[in-house]
Amino acid sequence: MFTGLVETLGEVSAVEKDGAGCLLHIAEPRLAKELALGESVAVNGVCLTVVATTSDAFRFQIGPETLRLTNLGELKVGERVNLERSLKVGDRLGGHIVQGHVDAVGVIARRERQGDWEMVTIQCATELTRQMVNKGSIAVDGISLTLVDVGPDWFQVALIPHTIAVTTLGFKQPPARVNLETDLFAKYIAKIMKGEG
């Protein structure tokens, strides 16, 4: 379980083939010293398990399903990624409840500067926008954001200067692909409304 508040940016130091999946190496010395084997870390919003650590880096195994459903399979050495460690009991929930289970990949369609802020429009599947409401929550590459507007196959979020400065959304430009996770409660409501549970 995560909050969508990115702790830091890590850098991809290696990507190795691992059967049908891959081994992803991330360099981030501060986190590397604190992470334990088996710990959960959200990488661009995808919950992954730490399988090895060194003094300045850590490694994850990524399966074929995760590579298919997320943008992690597109990562190259030198690229930066959003990192967030899982919640501990008693932590503050400053963003919203994020599981790290990505629903789909969206595409940044447009960025519009508004002073120090930016309005970002992201295209995605209609199945996802049905689970969104204005002023609701969305996780984009693991970043907890508030929905400003929602259309049939797109939504908009406003980026404050801090988010631009400390996350991947500070430098990703159209048509970059981003991981999307809709609000957990919206998923339950959508299922009930369809009469599936």
C-alpha atoms as a PDB file:
ATOM      1  CA  MET A   1       0.000   0.000   0.000  1.00  0.00           C
ATOM      2  CA  PHE A   2       1.292   3.446  -0.964  1.00  0.00           C
ATOM      3  CA  THR A   3       0.212   7.097  -0.818  1.00  0.00           C
ATOM      4  CA  GLY A   4       1.311   8.340  -4.239  1.00  0.00           C
ATOM      5  CA  LEU A   5       3.762  10.774  -2.630  1.00  0.00           C
ATOM      6  CA  VAL A   6       7.041  10.177  -4.452  1.00  0.00           C
ATOM      7  CA  GLU A   7      10.012   9.984  -2.056  1.00  0.00           C
ATOM      8  CA  THR A   8      12.778  10.385  -4.586  1.00  0.00           C
ATOM      9  CA  LEU A   9      13.879   9.762  -8.162  1.00  0.00           C
ATOM     10  CA  GLY A  10      16.098   6.769  -8.874  1.00  0.00           C
ATOM     11  CA  GLU A  11      18.140   6.070 -11.995  1.00  0.00           C
ATOM     12  CA  VAL A  12      17.982   2.889 -14.060  1.00  0.00           C
ATOM     13  CA  SER A  13      21.499   1.439 -13.905  1.00  0.00           C
ATOM     14  CA  ALA A  14      20.858  -1.842 -15.754  1.00  0.00           C
ATOM     15  CA  VAL A  15      18.083  -3.860 -17.388  1.00  0.00           C
ATOM     16  CA  GLU A  16      18.795  -7.576 -17.846  1.00  0.00           C
ATOM     17  CA  LYS A  17      16.765 -10.252 -19.609  1.00  0.00           C
ATOM     18  CA  ASP A  18      15.418 -12.800 -17.116  1.00  0.00           C
ATOM     19  CA  GLY A  19      13.501 -15.499 -18.974  1.00  0.00           C
ATOM     20  CA  ALA A  20      10.220 -13.938 -20.128  1.00  0.00           C
ATOM     21  CA  GLY A  21      10.760 -11.082 -17.676  1.00  0.00           C
ATOM     22  CA  CYS A  22      13.654  -8.858 -16.683  1.00  0.00           C
ATOM     23  CA  LEU A  23      15.852  -7.732 -13.818  1.00  0.00           C
ATOM     24  CA  LEU A  24      15.646  -4.001 -13.195  1.00  0.00           C
ATOM     25  CA  HIS A  25      18.544  -2.324 -11.364  1.00  0.00           C
ATOM     26  CA  ILE A  26      17.898   1.088  -9.792  1.00  0.00           C
ATOM     27  CA  ALA A  27      20.612   3.326  -8.343  1.00  0.00           C
ATOM     28  CA  GLU A  28      19.609   5.496  -5.391  1.00  0.00           C
ATOM     29  CA  PRO A  29      22.197   5.415  -2.574  1.00  0.00           C
ATOM     30  CA  ARG A  30      20.021   6.758   0.258  1.00  0.00           C
ATOM     31  CA  LEU A  31      17.227   4.235  -0.264  1.00  0.00           C
ATOM     32  CA  ALA A  32      19.652   1.397  -1.027  1.00  0.00           C
ATOM     33  CA  LYS A  33      21.117   1.669   2.474  1.00  0.00           C
ATOM     34  CA  GLU A  34      17.653   1.400   4.054  1.00  0.00           C
ATOM     35  CA  LEU A  35      15.906  -1.234   1.924  1.00  0.00           C
ATOM     36  CA  ALA A  36      15.596  -4.857   3.054  1.00  0.00           C
ATOM     37  CA  LEU A  37      15.190  -7.919   0.857  1.00  0.00           C
ATOM     38  CA  GLY A  38      11.514  -8.610   0.222  1.00  0.00           C
ATOM     39  CA  GLU A  39      10.492  -5.010   0.801  1.00  0.00           C
ATOM     40  CA  SER A  40       7.896  -3.419  -1.501  1.00  0.00           C
ATOM     41  CA  VAL A  41       8.758  -0.313  -3.501  1.00  0.00           C
ATOM     42  CA  ALA A  42       6.571   1.488  -6.033  1.00  0.00           C
ATOM     43  CA  VAL A  43       8.597   2.140  -9.196  1.00  0.00           C
ATOM     44  CA  ASN A  44       6.655   4.533 -11.453  1.00  0.00           C
ATOM     45  CA  GLY A  45       3.622   3.396  -9.493  1.00  0.00           C
ATOM     46  CA  VAL A  46       4.226  -0.356  -9.903  1.00  0.00           C
ATOM     47  CA  CYS A  47       4.582  -2.345  -6.682  1.00  0.00           C
ATOM     48  CA  LEU A  48       7.800  -4.389  -6.966  1.00  0.00           C
ATOM     49  CA  THR A  49       9.733  -6.566  -4.516  1.00  0.00           C
ATOM     50  CA  VAL A  50      13.384  -5.904  -3.695  1.00  0.00           C
ATOM     51  CA  VAL A  51      15.392  -9.053  -4.571  1.00  0.00           C
ATOM     52  CA  ALA A  52      18.936  -7.713  -4.050  1.00  0.00           C
ATOM     53  CA  THR A  53      20.703  -4.625  -2.684  1.00  0.00           C
ATOM     54  CA  THR A  54      24.187  -3.081  -2.735  1.00  0.00           C
ATOM     55  CA  SER A  55      25.471   0.044  -1.024  1.00  0.00           C
ATOM     56  CA  ASP A  56      24.047   2.312  -3.717  1.00  0.00           C
ATOM     57  CA  ALA A  57      21.508   0.299  -5.755  1.00  0.00           C
ATOM     58  CA  PHE A  58      18.784  -2.341  -5.600  1.00  0.00           C
ATOM     59  CA  ARG A  59      17.235  -4.840  -7.976  1.00  0.00           C
ATOM     60  CA  PHE A  60      13.753  -6.075  -8.848  1.00  0.00           C
ATOM     61  CA  GLN A  61      12.455  -9.035 -10.869  1.00  0.00           C
ATOM     62  CA  ILE A  62       9.686  -8.040 -13.275  1.00  0.00           C
ATOM     63  CA  GLY A  63       7.380 -10.658 -14.775  1.00  0.00           C
ATOM     64  CA  PRO A  64       5.943 -10.693 -18.308  1.00  0.00           C
ATOM     65  CA  GLU A  65       2.462  -9.579 -17.178  1.00  0.00           C
ATOM     66  CA  THR A  66       3.879  -6.483 -15.489  1.00  0.00           C
ATOM     67  CA  LEU A  67       5.981  -5.698 -18.560  1.00  0.00           C
ATOM     68  CA  ARG A  68       2.864  -6.002 -20.735  1.00  0.00           C
ATOM     69  CA  LEU A  69       0.610  -3.800 -18.606  1.00  0.00           C
ATOM     70  CA  THR A  70       3.040  -1.028 -17.592  1.00  0.00           C
ATOM     71  CA  ASN A  71       5.736   1.238 -19.018  1.00  0.00           C
ATOM     72  CA  LEU A  72       8.528  -0.531 -17.100  1.00  0.00           C
ATOM     73  CA  GLY A  73       9.487  -2.631 -20.128  1.00  0.00           C
ATOM     74  CA  GLU A  74      10.359   0.582 -21.990  1.00  0.00           C
ATOM     75  CA  LEU A  75      12.932   1.757 -19.434  1.00  0.00           C
ATOM     76  CA  LYS A  76      16.503   2.358 -20.594  1.00  0.00           C
ATOM     77  CA  VAL A  77      19.748   2.787 -18.666  1.00  0.00           C
ATOM     78  CA  GLY A  78      20.054   6.367 -17.436  1.00  0.00           C
ATOM     79  CA  GLU A  79      16.306   7.044 -17.243  1.00  0.00           C
ATOM     80  CA  ARG A  80      14.876   8.285 -13.955  1.00  0.00           C
ATOM     81  CA  VAL A  81      11.936   6.677 -12.154  1.00  0.00           C
ATOM     82  CA  ASN A  82       9.624   7.663  -9.283  1.00  0.00           C
ATOM     83  CA  LEU A  83      10.255   5.708  -6.070  1.00  0.00           C
ATOM     84  CA  GLU A  84       8.065   5.291  -2.985  1.00  0.00           C
ATOM     85  CA  ARG A  85       8.469   2.765  -0.188  1.00  0.00           C
ATOM     86  CA  SER A  86       5.336   1.044   1.115  1.00  0.00           C
ATOM     87  CA  LEU A  87       3.397   2.485   4.035  1.00  0.00           C
ATOM     88  CA  LYS A  88       4.093   1.479   7.618  1.00  0.00           C
ATOM     89  CA  VAL A  89       1.317   1.309  10.209  1.00  0.00           C
ATOM     90  CA  GLY A  90       0.940   4.790  11.652  1.00  0.00           C
ATOM     91  CA  ASP A  91       2.284   6.650   8.594  1.00  0.00           C
ATOM     92  CA  ARG A  92       0.410   9.714   7.416  1.00  0.00           C
ATOM     93  CA  LEU A  93      -1.718   9.229   4.335  1.00  0.00           C
ATOM     94  CA  GLY A  94      -0.958  12.473   2.536  1.00  0.00           C
ATOM     95  CA  GLY A  95      -1.959  11.468  -0.993  1.00  0.00           C
ATOM     96  CA  HIS A  96      -4.592   8.768  -1.476  1.00  0.00           C
ATOM     97  CA  ILE A  97      -4.661   4.973  -1.171  1.00  0.00           C
ATOM     98  CA  VAL A  98      -2.531   3.585  -4.001  1.00  0.00           C
ATOM     99  CA  GLN A  99      -2.068  -0.172  -4.363  1.00  0.00           C
ATOM    100  CA  GLY A 100       0.726  -0.189  -6.907  1.00  0.00           C
ATOM    101  CA  HIS A 101      -1.441  -2.322  -9.206  1.00  0.00           C
ATOM    102  CA  VAL A 102      -1.408  -0.439 -12.498  1.00  0.00           C
ATOM    103  CA  ASP A 103      -4.624  -0.610 -14.528  1.00  0.00           C
ATOM    104  CA  ALA A 104      -3.240   0.498 -17.884  1.00  0.00           C
ATOM    105  CA  VAL A 105      -0.857   2.832 -19.643  1.00  0.00           C
ATOM    106  CA  GLY A 106      -1.962   6.289 -20.785  1.00  0.00           C
ATOM    107  CA  VAL A 107      -0.312   8.757 -23.145  1.00  0.00           C
ATOM    108  CA  ILE A 108       0.557  12.371 -22.368  1.00  0.00           C
ATOM    109  CA  ALA A 109      -1.300  14.275 -25.088  1.00  0.00           C
ATOM    110  CA  ARG A 110      -0.662  17.893 -24.113  1.00  0.00           C
ATOM    111  CA  ARG A 111       1.130  20.102 -21.591  1.00  0.00           C
ATOM    112  CA  GLU A 112       0.058  23.704 -21.067  1.00  0.00           C
ATOM    113  CA  ARG A 113       2.096  26.079 -18.939  1.00  0.00           C
ATOM    114  CA  GLN A 114       0.029  28.248 -16.563  1.00  0.00           C
ATOM    115  CA  GLY A 115       2.555  30.408 -14.749  1.00  0.00           C
ATOM    116  CA  ASP A 116       4.540  28.098 -12.463  1.00  0.00           C
ATOM    117  CA  TRP A 117       1.935  25.363 -12.880  1.00  0.00           C
ATOM    118  CA  GLU A 118       1.232  23.025 -15.786  1.00  0.00           C
ATOM    119  CA  MET A 119      -2.022  21.507 -16.990  1.00  0.00           C
ATOM    120  CA  VAL A 120      -1.409  18.022 -18.402  1.00  0.00           C
ATOM    121  CA  THR A 121      -3.898  16.132 -20.578  1.00  0.00           C
ATOM    122  CA  ILE A 122      -3.560  12.341 -20.680  1.00  0.00           C
ATOM    123  CA  GLN A 123      -5.371  10.016 -23.078  1.00  0.00           C
ATOM    124  CA  CYS A 124      -6.496   6.609 -21.846  1.00  0.00           C
ATOM    125  CA  ALA A 125      -9.086   3.881 -22.306  1.00  0.00           C
ATOM    126  CA  THR A 126     -12.762   4.732 -21.759  1.00  0.00           C
ATOM    127  CA  GLU A 127     -12.965   1.903 -19.209  1.00  0.00           C
ATOM    128  CA  LEU A 128     -10.674   3.950 -16.983  1.00  0.00           C
ATOM    129  CA  THR A 129     -12.380   7.336 -17.386  1.00  0.00           C
ATOM    130  CA  ARG A 130     -15.635   5.702 -16.255  1.00  0.00           C
ATOM    131  CA  GLN A 131     -13.913   5.293 -12.874  1.00  0.00           C
ATOM    132  CA  MET A 132     -12.906   8.972 -12.668  1.00  0.00           C
ATOM    133  CA  VAL A 133     -14.690  12.077 -11.420  1.00  0.00           C
ATOM    134  CA  ASN A 134     -13.667  15.727 -11.339  1.00  0.00           C
ATOM    135  CA  LYS A 135     -11.732  16.445  -8.123  1.00  0.00           C
ATOM    136  CA  GLY A 136     -11.240  12.713  -7.573  1.00  0.00           C
ATOM    137  CA  SER A 137      -7.858  10.985  -7.359  1.00  0.00           C
ATOM    138  CA  ILE A 138      -5.627   9.301  -9.935  1.00  0.00           C
ATOM    139  CA  ALA A 139      -2.117   7.860  -9.715  1.00  0.00           C
ATOM    140  CA  VAL A 140       0.050   8.758 -12.738  1.00  0.00           C
ATOM    141  CA  ASP A 141       3.426   6.976 -12.699  1.00  0.00           C
ATOM    142  CA  GLY A 142       2.720   6.499  -9.001  1.00  0.00           C
ATOM    143  CA  ILE A 143       2.071  10.196  -8.327  1.00  0.00           C
ATOM    144  CA  SER A 144      -1.135  11.000  -6.439  1.00  0.00           C
ATOM    145  CA  LEU A 145      -2.909  13.728  -8.408  1.00  0.00           C
ATOM    146  CA  THR A 146      -6.295  15.421  -8.361  1.00  0.00           C
ATOM    147  CA  LEU A 147      -8.434  15.160 -11.494  1.00  0.00           C
ATOM    148  CA  VAL A 148      -9.264  18.603 -12.856  1.00  0.00           C
ATOM    149  CA  ASP A 149     -11.419  17.479 -15.780  1.00  0.00           C
ATOM    150  CA  VAL A 150     -12.468  14.137 -17.280  1.00  0.00           C
ATOM    151  CA  GLY A 151     -13.574  13.422 -20.852  1.00  0.00           C
ATOM    152  CA  PRO A 152     -14.630  10.224 -22.646  1.00  0.00           C
ATOM    153  CA  ASP A 153     -11.052   9.049 -23.268  1.00  0.00           C
ATOM    154  CA  TRP A 154      -8.887  11.675 -21.537  1.00  0.00           C
ATOM    155  CA  PHE A 155      -8.379  13.487 -18.257  1.00  0.00           C
ATOM    156  CA  GLN A 156      -6.512  16.536 -17.021  1.00  0.00           C
ATOM    157  CA  VAL A 157      -4.358  17.074 -13.954  1.00  0.00           C
ATOM    158  CA  ALA A 158      -2.657  20.230 -12.696  1.00  0.00           C
ATOM    159  CA  LEU A 159       0.990  19.962 -11.670  1.00  0.00           C
ATOM    160  CA  ILE A 160       2.234  22.243  -8.931  1.00  0.00           C
ATOM    161  CA  PRO A 161       5.883  23.424  -9.075  1.00  0.00           C
ATOM    162  CA  HIS A 162       6.932  20.872  -6.413  1.00  0.00           C
ATOM    163  CA  THR A 163       5.568  17.936  -8.457  1.00  0.00           C
ATOM    164  CA  ILE A 164       7.302  19.277 -11.563  1.00  0.00           C
ATOM    165  CA  ALA A 165      10.581  19.542  -9.633  1.00  0.00           C
ATOM    166  CA  VAL A 166      10.674  16.134  -7.907  1.00  0.00           C
ATOM    167  CA  THR A 167       8.888  13.607 -10.179  1.00  0.00           C
ATOM    168  CA  THR A 168       9.090  12.173 -13.689  1.00  0.00           C
ATOM    169  CA  LEU A 169       6.209  14.419 -14.743  1.00  0.00           C
ATOM    170  CA  GLY A 170       8.666  17.298 -14.572  1.00  0.00           C
ATOM    171  CA  PHE A 171      10.379  16.086 -17.745  1.00  0.00           C
ATOM    172  CA  LYS A 172       8.068  13.636 -19.552  1.00  0.00           C
ATOM    173  CA  GLN A 173       6.723  15.191 -22.745  1.00  0.00           C
ATOM    174  CA  PRO A 174       4.052  14.126 -25.273  1.00  0.00           C
ATOM    175  CA  PRO A 175       3.683  11.351 -26.352  1.00  0.00           C
ATOM    176  CA  ALA A 176       5.321   9.734 -23.292  1.00  0.00           C
ATOM    177  CA  ARG A 177       3.510   6.727 -21.841  1.00  0.00           C
ATOM    178  CA  VAL A 178       2.585   6.784 -18.148  1.00  0.00           C
ATOM    179  CA  ASN A 179       1.264   4.157 -15.732  1.00  0.00           C
ATOM    180  CA  LEU A 180      -2.289   4.767 -14.503  1.00  0.00           C
ATOM    181  CA  GLU A 181      -4.061   3.460 -11.427  1.00  0.00           C
ATOM    182  CA  THR A 182      -7.608   4.637 -10.802  1.00  0.00           C
ATOM    183  CA  ASP A 183      -8.988   5.170  -7.321  1.00  0.00           C
ATOM    184  CA  LEU A 184      -9.616   1.921  -5.428  1.00  0.00           C
ATOM    185  CA  PHE A 185     -13.027   3.021  -4.170  1.00  0.00           C
ATOM    186  CA  ALA A 186     -14.114   3.998  -7.688  1.00  0.00           C
ATOM    187  CA  LYS A 187     -13.337   0.456  -8.843  1.00  0.00           C
ATOM    188  CA  TYR A 188     -15.605  -1.065  -6.199  1.00  0.00           C
ATOM    189  CA  ILE A 189     -18.414   1.362  -7.023  1.00  0.00           C
ATOM    190  CA  ALA A 190     -18.076   0.687 -10.771  1.00  0.00           C
ATOM    191  CA  LYS A 191     -18.294  -3.069 -10.139  1.00  0.00           C
ATOM    192  CA  ILE A 192     -21.399  -2.701  -7.956  1.00  0.00           C
ATOM    193  CA  MET A 193     -23.063  -0.448 -10.531  1.00  0.00           C
ATOM    194  CA  LYS A 194     -22.474  -3.094 -13.209  1.00  0.00           C
ATOM    195  CA  GLY A 195     -24.149  -5.649 -10.939  1.00  0.00           C
ATOM    196  CA  GLU A 196     -21.035  -7.789 -10.600  1.00  0.00           C
ATOM    197  CA  GLY A 197     -20.783  -7.945  -6.861  1.00  0.00           C
END
